[in-house]
């Protein structure tokens, strides 16, 4: 009887060990697949234009950073990497451009150049001012392709100091057209899509990014979903990942008239998708958080509540294969 018990005990250990090995193998497989993905998007920043911590902010949101409870958050930005052709692109030139291009170089692809192309969404400070680091006073780059819509292109060409980037051949402006595909190669395509926003100096676009197997939607800034001529639910269903504007969590978050800085509140987006299935909700990754948005923090109960509904939050360093 004791012998049988011993045999059973040993078999149990073997089964448990096999199960642990299987779990480890599954985890290793996911990591390996991520590393082997030849085309992918990586999150290079998640914060709104002013970054996190925010200038002159002494509220609890930024105090958490100074108390060592939260990490710095770089400004909202995507990196696009194609290891097949050894090219890397960046979506928006943020004030954190130096650090973000270094991350691409050190952690993803060092092909001898700083960047193979910059896609701009619009002319607000967190989305184009990083171009200054390509200029005469800094890198002195040579004809870096910068993809921009017509008004955005004209704004750069006709306003200093940005016009100097053009006259010194630091950048090469490439004109985009709404809903017109740019083929970066035979497997990687980018399409700009006009969205309503505060267009003081340029139009505003989001981007559809298509790889060999998967696609993504990137809309870091938009006024409100119901102001858009397209249906955001339909657009999300067409892609595998949707990185959407989450500047503010809810109304009343700021001591300002928030109607003058319209963005879809996180709560509005989740309500809009309330009746959609889990598969659709899982595609949404919130990004572009204002410092006042509690979900900018690494951990927060409100963040947990949204994740429990099936939605997700973009995190710097995450990788999404295409």
C-alpha atoms as a PDB file:
ATOM      1  CA  UNK A   1       0.000   0.000   0.000  1.00  0.00           C
ATOM      2  CA  UNK A   2       2.831   2.359   0.904  1.00  0.00           C
ATOM      3  CA  UNK A   3       4.535   1.483  -2.377  1.00  0.00           C
ATOM      4  CA  UNK A   4       1.372   2.392  -4.316  1.00  0.00           C
ATOM      5  CA  UNK A   5       1.106   5.689  -2.423  1.00  0.00           C
ATOM      6  CA  UNK A   6       4.718   6.476  -3.233  1.00  0.00           C
ATOM      7  CA  UNK A   7       4.146   5.703  -6.906  1.00  0.00           C
ATOM      8  CA  UNK A   8       1.065   7.943  -6.891  1.00  0.00           C
ATOM      9  CA  UNK A   9       3.003  10.704  -5.190  1.00  0.00           C
ATOM     10  CA  UNK A  10       5.826  10.482  -7.731  1.00  0.00           C
ATOM     11  CA  UNK A  11       3.376  10.476 -10.635  1.00  0.00           C
ATOM     12  CA  UNK A  12       1.686  13.517  -9.143  1.00  0.00           C
ATOM     13  CA  UNK A  13       5.001  15.344  -8.980  1.00  0.00           C
ATOM     14  CA  UNK A  14       5.747  14.400 -12.581  1.00  0.00           C
ATOM     15  CA  UNK A  15       2.350  15.679 -13.743  1.00  0.00           C
ATOM     16  CA  UNK A  16       2.754  18.916 -11.805  1.00  0.00           C
ATOM     17  CA  UNK A  17       6.230  19.349 -13.215  1.00  0.00           C
ATOM     18  CA  UNK A  18       4.954  18.721 -16.748  1.00  0.00           C
ATOM     19  CA  UNK A  19       2.194  21.279 -16.218  1.00  0.00           C
ATOM     20  CA  UNK A  20       4.732  23.830 -14.971  1.00  0.00           C
ATOM     21  CA  UNK A  21       6.976  23.104 -17.948  1.00  0.00           C
ATOM     22  CA  UNK A  22       4.019  23.553 -20.300  1.00  0.00           C
ATOM     23  CA  UNK A  23       3.176  26.897 -18.690  1.00  0.00           C
ATOM     24  CA  UNK A  24       6.808  28.010 -18.893  1.00  0.00           C
ATOM     25  CA  UNK A  25       6.955  26.861 -22.505  1.00  0.00           C
ATOM     26  CA  UNK A  26       3.798  28.805 -23.315  1.00  0.00           C
ATOM     27  CA  UNK A  27       5.252  31.951 -21.749  1.00  0.00           C
ATOM     28  CA  UNK A  28       8.532  31.402 -23.589  1.00  0.00           C
ATOM     29  CA  UNK A  29       6.631  30.881 -26.843  1.00  0.00           C
ATOM     30  CA  UNK A  30       4.862  34.234 -26.482  1.00  0.00           C
ATOM     31  CA  UNK A  31       8.164  36.002 -25.766  1.00  0.00           C
ATOM     32  CA  UNK A  32       9.859  34.251 -28.688  1.00  0.00           C
ATOM     33  CA  UNK A  33       6.991  35.135 -31.032  1.00  0.00           C
ATOM     34  CA  UNK A  34       7.259  38.767 -29.989  1.00  0.00           C
ATOM     35  CA  UNK A  35      10.988  38.765 -30.649  1.00  0.00           C
ATOM     36  CA  UNK A  36      10.572  37.002 -33.981  1.00  0.00           C
ATOM     37  CA  UNK A  37       7.801  39.315 -35.226  1.00  0.00           C
ATOM     38  CA  UNK A  38       9.300  40.913 -38.303  1.00  0.00           C
ATOM     39  CA  UNK A  39       6.864  43.844 -38.304  1.00  0.00           C
ATOM     40  CA  UNK A  40       5.454  45.417 -35.199  1.00  0.00           C
ATOM     41  CA  UNK A  41       4.311  48.530 -33.386  1.00  0.00           C
ATOM     42  CA  UNK A  42       5.911  49.529 -30.107  1.00  0.00           C
ATOM     43  CA  UNK A  43       4.560  52.073 -27.646  1.00  0.00           C
ATOM     44  CA  UNK A  44       7.105  54.866 -27.150  1.00  0.00           C
ATOM     45  CA  UNK A  45       4.960  57.187 -25.036  1.00  0.00           C
ATOM     46  CA  UNK A  46       1.491  57.457 -23.530  1.00  0.00           C
ATOM     47  CA  UNK A  47       1.110  60.969 -22.048  1.00  0.00           C
ATOM     48  CA  UNK A  48      -0.699  64.022 -23.385  1.00  0.00           C
ATOM     49  CA  UNK A  49       1.380  66.813 -24.994  1.00  0.00           C
ATOM     50  CA  UNK A  50       2.642  68.256 -21.704  1.00  0.00           C
ATOM     51  CA  UNK A  51       3.942  64.898 -20.505  1.00  0.00           C
ATOM     52  CA  UNK A  52       3.907  63.408 -17.028  1.00  0.00           C
ATOM     53  CA  UNK A  53       4.768  64.942 -14.631  1.00  0.00           C
ATOM     54  CA  UNK A  54       3.192  68.145 -15.899  1.00  0.00           C
ATOM     55  CA  UNK A  55       4.809  71.565 -15.656  1.00  0.00           C
ATOM     56  CA  UNK A  56       4.009  73.412 -12.412  1.00  0.00           C
ATOM     57  CA  UNK A  57       1.620  70.713 -11.233  1.00  0.00           C
ATOM     58  CA  UNK A  58       1.531  70.338  -7.452  1.00  0.00           C
ATOM     59  CA  UNK A  59      -1.617  68.254  -7.325  1.00  0.00           C
ATOM     60  CA  UNK A  60      -1.726  64.669  -6.120  1.00  0.00           C
ATOM     61  CA  UNK A  61      -1.485  63.350  -9.687  1.00  0.00           C
ATOM     62  CA  UNK A  62       2.043  64.698 -10.208  1.00  0.00           C
ATOM     63  CA  UNK A  63       3.019  64.640  -6.542  1.00  0.00           C
ATOM     64  CA  UNK A  64       2.956  60.851  -6.889  1.00  0.00           C
ATOM     65  CA  UNK A  65       5.867  61.145  -9.309  1.00  0.00           C
ATOM     66  CA  UNK A  66       7.922  63.417  -7.085  1.00  0.00           C
ATOM     67  CA  UNK A  67       7.245  61.105  -4.142  1.00  0.00           C
ATOM     68  CA  UNK A  68       8.722  58.248  -6.153  1.00  0.00           C
ATOM     69  CA  UNK A  69       5.425  56.373  -6.472  1.00  0.00           C
ATOM     70  CA  UNK A  70       5.060  56.813 -10.238  1.00  0.00           C
ATOM     71  CA  UNK A  71       7.420  56.675 -13.201  1.00  0.00           C
ATOM     72  CA  UNK A  72       7.858  59.386 -15.811  1.00  0.00           C
ATOM     73  CA  UNK A  73       5.566  58.996 -18.808  1.00  0.00           C
ATOM     74  CA  UNK A  74       6.823  60.055 -22.245  1.00  0.00           C
ATOM     75  CA  UNK A  75       4.512  61.879 -24.653  1.00  0.00           C
ATOM     76  CA  UNK A  76       2.164  59.785 -26.784  1.00  0.00           C
ATOM     77  CA  UNK A  77       4.024  58.171 -29.678  1.00  0.00           C
ATOM     78  CA  UNK A  78       4.196  54.938 -31.670  1.00  0.00           C
ATOM     79  CA  UNK A  79       7.231  53.295 -33.210  1.00  0.00           C
ATOM     80  CA  UNK A  80       6.816  51.136 -36.314  1.00  0.00           C
ATOM     81  CA  UNK A  81       9.554  48.589 -36.987  1.00  0.00           C
ATOM     82  CA  UNK A  82      10.087  46.357 -40.023  1.00  0.00           C
ATOM     83  CA  UNK A  83      12.985  43.993 -39.440  1.00  0.00           C
ATOM     84  CA  UNK A  84      12.614  42.458 -42.918  1.00  0.00           C
ATOM     85  CA  UNK A  85      13.785  45.621 -44.641  1.00  0.00           C
ATOM     86  CA  UNK A  86      15.544  47.095 -41.595  1.00  0.00           C
ATOM     87  CA  UNK A  87      13.413  50.240 -41.427  1.00  0.00           C
ATOM     88  CA  UNK A  88      11.892  52.092 -38.477  1.00  0.00           C
ATOM     89  CA  UNK A  89       9.302  54.853 -38.413  1.00  0.00           C
ATOM     90  CA  UNK A  90       7.812  57.037 -35.734  1.00  0.00           C
ATOM     91  CA  UNK A  91       4.298  58.456 -35.387  1.00  0.00           C
ATOM     92  CA  UNK A  92       4.559  62.032 -34.099  1.00  0.00           C
ATOM     93  CA  UNK A  93       7.707  63.955 -33.236  1.00  0.00           C
ATOM     94  CA  UNK A  94       7.135  64.685 -29.561  1.00  0.00           C
ATOM     95  CA  UNK A  95       9.133  66.784 -27.087  1.00  0.00           C
ATOM     96  CA  UNK A  96      10.596  63.398 -26.030  1.00  0.00           C
ATOM     97  CA  UNK A  97      11.852  62.707 -29.568  1.00  0.00           C
ATOM     98  CA  UNK A  98      15.482  62.281 -28.466  1.00  0.00           C
ATOM     99  CA  UNK A  99      14.671  59.592 -25.916  1.00  0.00           C
ATOM    100  CA  UNK A 100      12.126  57.859 -28.106  1.00  0.00           C
ATOM    101  CA  UNK A 101      14.404  57.533 -31.126  1.00  0.00           C
ATOM    102  CA  UNK A 102      17.123  56.215 -28.827  1.00  0.00           C
ATOM    103  CA  UNK A 103      14.733  53.554 -27.527  1.00  0.00           C
ATOM    104  CA  UNK A 104      14.057  52.494 -31.113  1.00  0.00           C
ATOM    105  CA  UNK A 105      17.776  52.326 -31.811  1.00  0.00           C
ATOM    106  CA  UNK A 106      18.898  50.569 -28.626  1.00  0.00           C
ATOM    107  CA  UNK A 107      15.997  48.199 -28.076  1.00  0.00           C
ATOM    108  CA  UNK A 108      14.600  47.514 -31.533  1.00  0.00           C
ATOM    109  CA  UNK A 109      16.665  48.345 -34.615  1.00  0.00           C
ATOM    110  CA  UNK A 110      20.003  50.050 -35.159  1.00  0.00           C
ATOM    111  CA  UNK A 111      20.226  50.432 -38.921  1.00  0.00           C
ATOM    112  CA  UNK A 112      22.734  53.270 -38.893  1.00  0.00           C
ATOM    113  CA  UNK A 113      20.140  56.041 -39.111  1.00  0.00           C
ATOM    114  CA  UNK A 114      18.093  57.886 -36.526  1.00  0.00           C
ATOM    115  CA  UNK A 115      14.732  57.270 -38.215  1.00  0.00           C
ATOM    116  CA  UNK A 116      13.473  56.296 -41.669  1.00  0.00           C
ATOM    117  CA  UNK A 117      10.369  58.431 -41.556  1.00  0.00           C
ATOM    118  CA  UNK A 118       8.186  60.582 -39.295  1.00  0.00           C
ATOM    119  CA  UNK A 119       4.390  60.612 -39.598  1.00  0.00           C
ATOM    120  CA  UNK A 120       2.782  63.732 -38.120  1.00  0.00           C
ATOM    121  CA  UNK A 121      -0.810  63.881 -36.875  1.00  0.00           C
ATOM    122  CA  UNK A 122      -1.158  67.649 -36.380  1.00  0.00           C
ATOM    123  CA  UNK A 123       0.419  70.927 -35.247  1.00  0.00           C
ATOM    124  CA  UNK A 124      -0.077  70.801 -31.492  1.00  0.00           C
ATOM    125  CA  UNK A 125       3.023  71.002 -29.326  1.00  0.00           C
ATOM    126  CA  UNK A 126       3.219  67.360 -28.325  1.00  0.00           C
ATOM    127  CA  UNK A 127       3.036  66.053 -31.878  1.00  0.00           C
ATOM    128  CA  UNK A 128       5.567  67.906 -34.046  1.00  0.00           C
ATOM    129  CA  UNK A 129       7.961  70.017 -31.952  1.00  0.00           C
ATOM    130  CA  UNK A 130      10.435  67.138 -31.649  1.00  0.00           C
ATOM    131  CA  UNK A 131      11.421  67.913 -35.238  1.00  0.00           C
ATOM    132  CA  UNK A 132      13.673  70.622 -33.794  1.00  0.00           C
ATOM    133  CA  UNK A 133      16.187  67.961 -32.785  1.00  0.00           C
ATOM    134  CA  UNK A 134      16.767  67.175 -36.460  1.00  0.00           C
ATOM    135  CA  UNK A 135      17.874  70.760 -37.089  1.00  0.00           C
ATOM    136  CA  UNK A 136      21.108  72.682 -37.461  1.00  0.00           C
ATOM    137  CA  UNK A 137      21.500  73.334 -33.725  1.00  0.00           C
ATOM    138  CA  UNK A 138      21.189  69.635 -32.890  1.00  0.00           C
ATOM    139  CA  UNK A 139      21.564  66.590 -35.171  1.00  0.00           C
ATOM    140  CA  UNK A 140      21.835  68.396 -38.495  1.00  0.00           C
ATOM    141  CA  UNK A 141      20.003  65.533 -40.162  1.00  0.00           C
ATOM    142  CA  UNK A 142      19.958  64.916 -43.904  1.00  0.00           C
ATOM    143  CA  UNK A 143      16.581  64.745 -45.629  1.00  0.00           C
ATOM    144  CA  UNK A 144      14.648  62.705 -43.086  1.00  0.00           C
ATOM    145  CA  UNK A 145      11.246  61.926 -44.666  1.00  0.00           C
ATOM    146  CA  UNK A 146       8.480  63.717 -42.770  1.00  0.00           C
ATOM    147  CA  UNK A 147       4.972  62.736 -43.841  1.00  0.00           C
ATOM    148  CA  UNK A 148       2.407  65.505 -43.384  1.00  0.00           C
ATOM    149  CA  UNK A 149      -1.008  66.593 -44.605  1.00  0.00           C
ATOM    150  CA  UNK A 150      -1.172  69.677 -46.916  1.00  0.00           C
ATOM    151  CA  UNK A 151      -1.864  72.315 -44.240  1.00  0.00           C
ATOM    152  CA  UNK A 152       0.668  70.758 -41.896  1.00  0.00           C
ATOM    153  CA  UNK A 153       3.260  70.761 -44.697  1.00  0.00           C
ATOM    154  CA  UNK A 154       2.576  74.420 -45.506  1.00  0.00           C
ATOM    155  CA  UNK A 155       2.779  75.357 -41.826  1.00  0.00           C
ATOM    156  CA  UNK A 156       6.261  73.859 -41.539  1.00  0.00           C
ATOM    157  CA  UNK A 157       7.427  75.403 -44.821  1.00  0.00           C
ATOM    158  CA  UNK A 158       6.247  78.925 -44.033  1.00  0.00           C
ATOM    159  CA  UNK A 159       6.873  79.326 -40.294  1.00  0.00           C
ATOM    160  CA  UNK A 160      10.200  79.617 -38.517  1.00  0.00           C
ATOM    161  CA  UNK A 161      12.063  77.916 -37.044  1.00  0.00           C
ATOM    162  CA  UNK A 162      10.513  74.911 -38.812  1.00  0.00           C
ATOM    163  CA  UNK A 163      11.081  76.355 -42.289  1.00  0.00           C
ATOM    164  CA  UNK A 164      14.831  76.194 -41.638  1.00  0.00           C
ATOM    165  CA  UNK A 165      14.561  72.402 -41.410  1.00  0.00           C
ATOM    166  CA  UNK A 166      13.357  72.499 -45.014  1.00  0.00           C
ATOM    167  CA  UNK A 167      15.836  75.097 -46.327  1.00  0.00           C
ATOM    168  CA  UNK A 168      18.764  73.253 -44.705  1.00  0.00           C
ATOM    169  CA  UNK A 169      17.547  69.912 -46.082  1.00  0.00           C
ATOM    170  CA  UNK A 170      17.294  68.450 -42.594  1.00  0.00           C
ATOM    171  CA  UNK A 171      13.902  67.034 -43.539  1.00  0.00           C
ATOM    172  CA  UNK A 172      12.146  66.083 -46.742  1.00  0.00           C
ATOM    173  CA  UNK A 173       8.427  66.822 -46.531  1.00  0.00           C
ATOM    174  CA  UNK A 174       6.178  64.211 -48.138  1.00  0.00           C
ATOM    175  CA  UNK A 175       2.576  65.246 -48.785  1.00  0.00           C
ATOM    176  CA  UNK A 176      -0.195  63.000 -47.518  1.00  0.00           C
ATOM    177  CA  UNK A 177      -3.800  62.932 -48.679  1.00  0.00           C
ATOM    178  CA  UNK A 178      -6.829  61.923 -46.665  1.00  0.00           C
ATOM    179  CA  UNK A 179      -7.637  58.220 -47.012  1.00  0.00           C
ATOM    180  CA  UNK A 180      -4.814  57.732 -49.529  1.00  0.00           C
ATOM    181  CA  UNK A 181      -2.497  54.784 -48.872  1.00  0.00           C
ATOM    182  CA  UNK A 182       1.261  55.219 -48.493  1.00  0.00           C
ATOM    183  CA  UNK A 183       3.017  51.916 -49.252  1.00  0.00           C
ATOM    184  CA  UNK A 184       6.238  51.813 -47.241  1.00  0.00           C
ATOM    185  CA  UNK A 185       6.963  48.443 -48.840  1.00  0.00           C
ATOM    186  CA  UNK A 186       4.940  45.572 -50.284  1.00  0.00           C
ATOM    187  CA  UNK A 187       3.757  44.481 -46.821  1.00  0.00           C
ATOM    188  CA  UNK A 188       3.525  47.704 -44.840  1.00  0.00           C
ATOM    189  CA  UNK A 189       0.959  50.421 -45.545  1.00  0.00           C
ATOM    190  CA  UNK A 190      -0.051  53.630 -43.781  1.00  0.00           C
ATOM    191  CA  UNK A 191      -3.247  55.585 -44.405  1.00  0.00           C
ATOM    192  CA  UNK A 192      -4.016  59.034 -42.914  1.00  0.00           C
ATOM    193  CA  UNK A 193      -7.631  59.641 -41.876  1.00  0.00           C
ATOM    194  CA  UNK A 194      -8.945  63.136 -41.139  1.00  0.00           C
ATOM    195  CA  UNK A 195     -10.541  63.605 -37.713  1.00  0.00           C
ATOM    196  CA  UNK A 196     -12.213  66.681 -36.164  1.00  0.00           C
ATOM    197  CA  UNK A 197      -9.983  68.560 -33.736  1.00  0.00           C
ATOM    198  CA  UNK A 198      -8.859  72.093 -32.871  1.00  0.00           C
ATOM    199  CA  UNK A 199      -7.195  72.789 -36.214  1.00  0.00           C
ATOM    200  CA  UNK A 200      -5.687  76.220 -35.590  1.00  0.00           C
ATOM    201  CA  UNK A 201      -2.542  75.601 -37.654  1.00  0.00           C
ATOM    202  CA  UNK A 202      -3.113  72.330 -39.483  1.00  0.00           C
ATOM    203  CA  UNK A 203      -5.617  69.607 -40.118  1.00  0.00           C
ATOM    204  CA  UNK A 204      -5.592  66.584 -37.775  1.00  0.00           C
ATOM    205  CA  UNK A 205      -5.335  62.958 -38.785  1.00  0.00           C
ATOM    206  CA  UNK A 206      -5.306  59.548 -37.240  1.00  0.00           C
ATOM    207  CA  UNK A 207      -3.584  56.648 -38.994  1.00  0.00           C
ATOM    208  CA  UNK A 208      -4.455  53.158 -40.099  1.00  0.00           C
ATOM    209  CA  UNK A 209      -1.315  51.004 -40.084  1.00  0.00           C
ATOM    210  CA  UNK A 210      -1.395  47.712 -41.981  1.00  0.00           C
ATOM    211  CA  UNK A 211       1.187  44.946 -41.836  1.00  0.00           C
ATOM    212  CA  UNK A 212       1.330  41.521 -43.436  1.00  0.00           C
ATOM    213  CA  UNK A 213      -1.115  39.932 -40.998  1.00  0.00           C
ATOM    214  CA  UNK A 214      -2.637  42.591 -38.756  1.00  0.00           C
ATOM    215  CA  UNK A 215      -3.634  46.240 -38.669  1.00  0.00           C
ATOM    216  CA  UNK A 216      -3.936  49.086 -36.175  1.00  0.00           C
ATOM    217  CA  UNK A 217      -5.768  52.377 -35.772  1.00  0.00           C
ATOM    218  CA  UNK A 218      -4.011  55.294 -34.077  1.00  0.00           C
ATOM    219  CA  UNK A 219      -6.108  58.321 -33.048  1.00  0.00           C
ATOM    220  CA  UNK A 220      -4.348  60.183 -30.228  1.00  0.00           C
ATOM    221  CA  UNK A 221      -6.439  63.347 -30.639  1.00  0.00           C
ATOM    222  CA  UNK A 222     -10.059  63.894 -31.660  1.00  0.00           C
ATOM    223  CA  UNK A 223     -12.775  66.242 -30.385  1.00  0.00           C
ATOM    224  CA  UNK A 224     -15.673  63.833 -29.837  1.00  0.00           C
ATOM    225  CA  UNK A 225     -16.609  60.575 -31.543  1.00  0.00           C
ATOM    226  CA  UNK A 226     -20.028  61.885 -32.597  1.00  0.00           C
ATOM    227  CA  UNK A 227     -18.391  64.776 -34.474  1.00  0.00           C
ATOM    228  CA  UNK A 228     -16.565  62.380 -36.769  1.00  0.00           C
ATOM    229  CA  UNK A 229     -18.123  61.436 -40.090  1.00  0.00           C
ATOM    230  CA  UNK A 230     -17.099  57.832 -39.470  1.00  0.00           C
ATOM    231  CA  UNK A 231     -18.428  55.421 -36.881  1.00  0.00           C
ATOM    232  CA  UNK A 232     -15.676  54.612 -34.397  1.00  0.00           C
ATOM    233  CA  UNK A 233     -17.245  51.245 -33.546  1.00  0.00           C
ATOM    234  CA  UNK A 234     -17.104  50.201 -37.209  1.00  0.00           C
ATOM    235  CA  UNK A 235     -13.526  51.443 -37.522  1.00  0.00           C
ATOM    236  CA  UNK A 236     -12.376  49.505 -34.462  1.00  0.00           C
ATOM    237  CA  UNK A 237     -13.956  46.324 -35.796  1.00  0.00           C
ATOM    238  CA  UNK A 238     -11.885  46.625 -38.987  1.00  0.00           C
ATOM    239  CA  UNK A 239      -8.535  46.442 -37.166  1.00  0.00           C
ATOM    240  CA  UNK A 240      -6.716  44.279 -34.637  1.00  0.00           C
ATOM    241  CA  UNK A 241      -5.605  47.127 -32.374  1.00  0.00           C
ATOM    242  CA  UNK A 242      -7.099  50.581 -31.778  1.00  0.00           C
ATOM    243  CA  UNK A 243      -4.988  53.131 -29.890  1.00  0.00           C
ATOM    244  CA  UNK A 244      -7.541  55.780 -28.949  1.00  0.00           C
ATOM    245  CA  UNK A 245      -7.549  59.230 -27.350  1.00  0.00           C
ATOM    246  CA  UNK A 246      -7.990  59.034 -23.579  1.00  0.00           C
ATOM    247  CA  UNK A 247      -6.855  62.532 -22.639  1.00  0.00           C
ATOM    248  CA  UNK A 248      -9.430  62.874 -19.867  1.00  0.00           C
ATOM    249  CA  UNK A 249     -11.203  60.256 -17.816  1.00  0.00           C
ATOM    250  CA  UNK A 250     -14.418  62.196 -17.194  1.00  0.00           C
ATOM    251  CA  UNK A 251     -15.968  65.652 -17.158  1.00  0.00           C
ATOM    252  CA  UNK A 252     -15.026  67.945 -14.265  1.00  0.00           C
ATOM    253  CA  UNK A 253     -11.486  66.591 -14.137  1.00  0.00           C
ATOM    254  CA  UNK A 254      -9.995  70.066 -14.618  1.00  0.00           C
ATOM    255  CA  UNK A 255     -10.773  73.438 -13.059  1.00  0.00           C
ATOM    256  CA  UNK A 256     -11.433  74.713 -16.564  1.00  0.00           C
ATOM    257  CA  UNK A 257     -14.292  74.745 -19.030  1.00  0.00           C
ATOM    258  CA  UNK A 258     -13.628  71.348 -20.582  1.00  0.00           C
ATOM    259  CA  UNK A 259     -15.941  72.053 -23.513  1.00  0.00           C
ATOM    260  CA  UNK A 260     -13.161  74.318 -24.823  1.00  0.00           C
ATOM    261  CA  UNK A 261     -10.687  71.437 -24.897  1.00  0.00           C
ATOM    262  CA  UNK A 262     -12.937  68.676 -26.248  1.00  0.00           C
ATOM    263  CA  UNK A 263     -11.755  65.091 -26.184  1.00  0.00           C
ATOM    264  CA  UNK A 264     -13.761  61.885 -25.773  1.00  0.00           C
ATOM    265  CA  UNK A 265     -13.707  61.063 -22.071  1.00  0.00           C
ATOM    266  CA  UNK A 266     -12.647  57.517 -21.284  1.00  0.00           C
ATOM    267  CA  UNK A 267     -16.078  57.004 -19.725  1.00  0.00           C
ATOM    268  CA  UNK A 268     -17.763  58.162 -22.943  1.00  0.00           C
ATOM    269  CA  UNK A 269     -15.772  55.718 -25.046  1.00  0.00           C
ATOM    270  CA  UNK A 270     -16.492  52.792 -22.739  1.00  0.00           C
ATOM    271  CA  UNK A 271     -20.207  53.680 -22.714  1.00  0.00           C
ATOM    272  CA  UNK A 272     -20.213  53.846 -26.508  1.00  0.00           C
ATOM    273  CA  UNK A 273     -18.808  50.316 -26.717  1.00  0.00           C
ATOM    274  CA  UNK A 274     -20.862  49.001 -23.803  1.00  0.00           C
ATOM    275  CA  UNK A 275     -22.999  46.651 -25.905  1.00  0.00           C
ATOM    276  CA  UNK A 276     -20.140  45.373 -28.065  1.00  0.00           C
ATOM    277  CA  UNK A 277     -18.652  41.938 -27.511  1.00  0.00           C
ATOM    278  CA  UNK A 278     -15.467  41.298 -25.557  1.00  0.00           C
ATOM    279  CA  UNK A 279     -13.448  40.718 -28.731  1.00  0.00           C
ATOM    280  CA  UNK A 280     -14.192  44.263 -29.888  1.00  0.00           C
ATOM    281  CA  UNK A 281     -13.520  45.834 -26.486  1.00  0.00           C
ATOM    282  CA  UNK A 282     -10.211  43.979 -26.241  1.00  0.00           C
ATOM    283  CA  UNK A 283      -9.001  45.774 -29.365  1.00  0.00           C
ATOM    284  CA  UNK A 284      -9.117  49.174 -27.665  1.00  0.00           C
ATOM    285  CA  UNK A 285      -5.940  50.462 -26.016  1.00  0.00           C
ATOM    286  CA  UNK A 286      -6.331  53.867 -24.408  1.00  0.00           C
ATOM    287  CA  UNK A 287      -3.450  56.299 -24.924  1.00  0.00           C
ATOM    288  CA  UNK A 288      -2.580  60.039 -24.701  1.00  0.00           C
ATOM    289  CA  UNK A 289      -3.478  60.553 -21.012  1.00  0.00           C
ATOM    290  CA  UNK A 290      -3.495  64.005 -19.497  1.00  0.00           C
ATOM    291  CA  UNK A 291      -1.588  64.205 -16.193  1.00  0.00           C
ATOM    292  CA  UNK A 292      -4.941  64.697 -14.446  1.00  0.00           C
ATOM    293  CA  UNK A 293      -6.328  61.431 -15.796  1.00  0.00           C
ATOM    294  CA  UNK A 294      -6.024  58.864 -12.976  1.00  0.00           C
ATOM    295  CA  UNK A 295      -5.362  56.111 -15.500  1.00  0.00           C
ATOM    296  CA  UNK A 296      -2.006  57.684 -16.382  1.00  0.00           C
ATOM    297  CA  UNK A 297      -0.786  56.008 -13.211  1.00  0.00           C
ATOM    298  CA  UNK A 298       0.696  52.536 -13.292  1.00  0.00           C
ATOM    299  CA  UNK A 299      -1.953  51.283 -10.881  1.00  0.00           C
ATOM    300  CA  UNK A 300      -5.332  52.777 -10.012  1.00  0.00           C
ATOM    301  CA  UNK A 301      -8.742  51.400  -9.047  1.00  0.00           C
ATOM    302  CA  UNK A 302     -10.431  53.247 -11.927  1.00  0.00           C
ATOM    303  CA  UNK A 303      -7.948  51.662 -14.317  1.00  0.00           C
ATOM    304  CA  UNK A 304      -8.834  48.255 -12.923  1.00  0.00           C
ATOM    305  CA  UNK A 305     -12.552  48.907 -13.369  1.00  0.00           C
ATOM    306  CA  UNK A 306     -12.091  49.773 -17.040  1.00  0.00           C
ATOM    307  CA  UNK A 307      -9.886  46.736 -17.644  1.00  0.00           C
ATOM    308  CA  UNK A 308     -12.497  44.547 -15.987  1.00  0.00           C
ATOM    309  CA  UNK A 309     -14.918  45.681 -18.699  1.00  0.00           C
ATOM    310  CA  UNK A 310     -12.536  44.361 -21.370  1.00  0.00           C
ATOM    311  CA  UNK A 311     -10.742  47.556 -22.406  1.00  0.00           C
ATOM    312  CA  UNK A 312      -6.977  47.953 -22.235  1.00  0.00           C
ATOM    313  CA  UNK A 313      -4.363  50.618 -21.622  1.00  0.00           C
ATOM    314  CA  UNK A 314      -1.296  51.234 -23.756  1.00  0.00           C
ATOM    315  CA  UNK A 315       1.929  50.891 -21.821  1.00  0.00           C
ATOM    316  CA  UNK A 316       5.338  52.153 -22.834  1.00  0.00           C
ATOM    317  CA  UNK A 317       7.453  49.289 -24.164  1.00  0.00           C
ATOM    318  CA  UNK A 318       4.538  47.111 -25.251  1.00  0.00           C
ATOM    319  CA  UNK A 319       4.843  45.414 -28.635  1.00  0.00           C
ATOM    320  CA  UNK A 320       2.050  44.557 -31.086  1.00  0.00           C
ATOM    321  CA  UNK A 321       2.942  42.373 -34.038  1.00  0.00           C
ATOM    322  CA  UNK A 322       1.613  43.183 -37.486  1.00  0.00           C
END
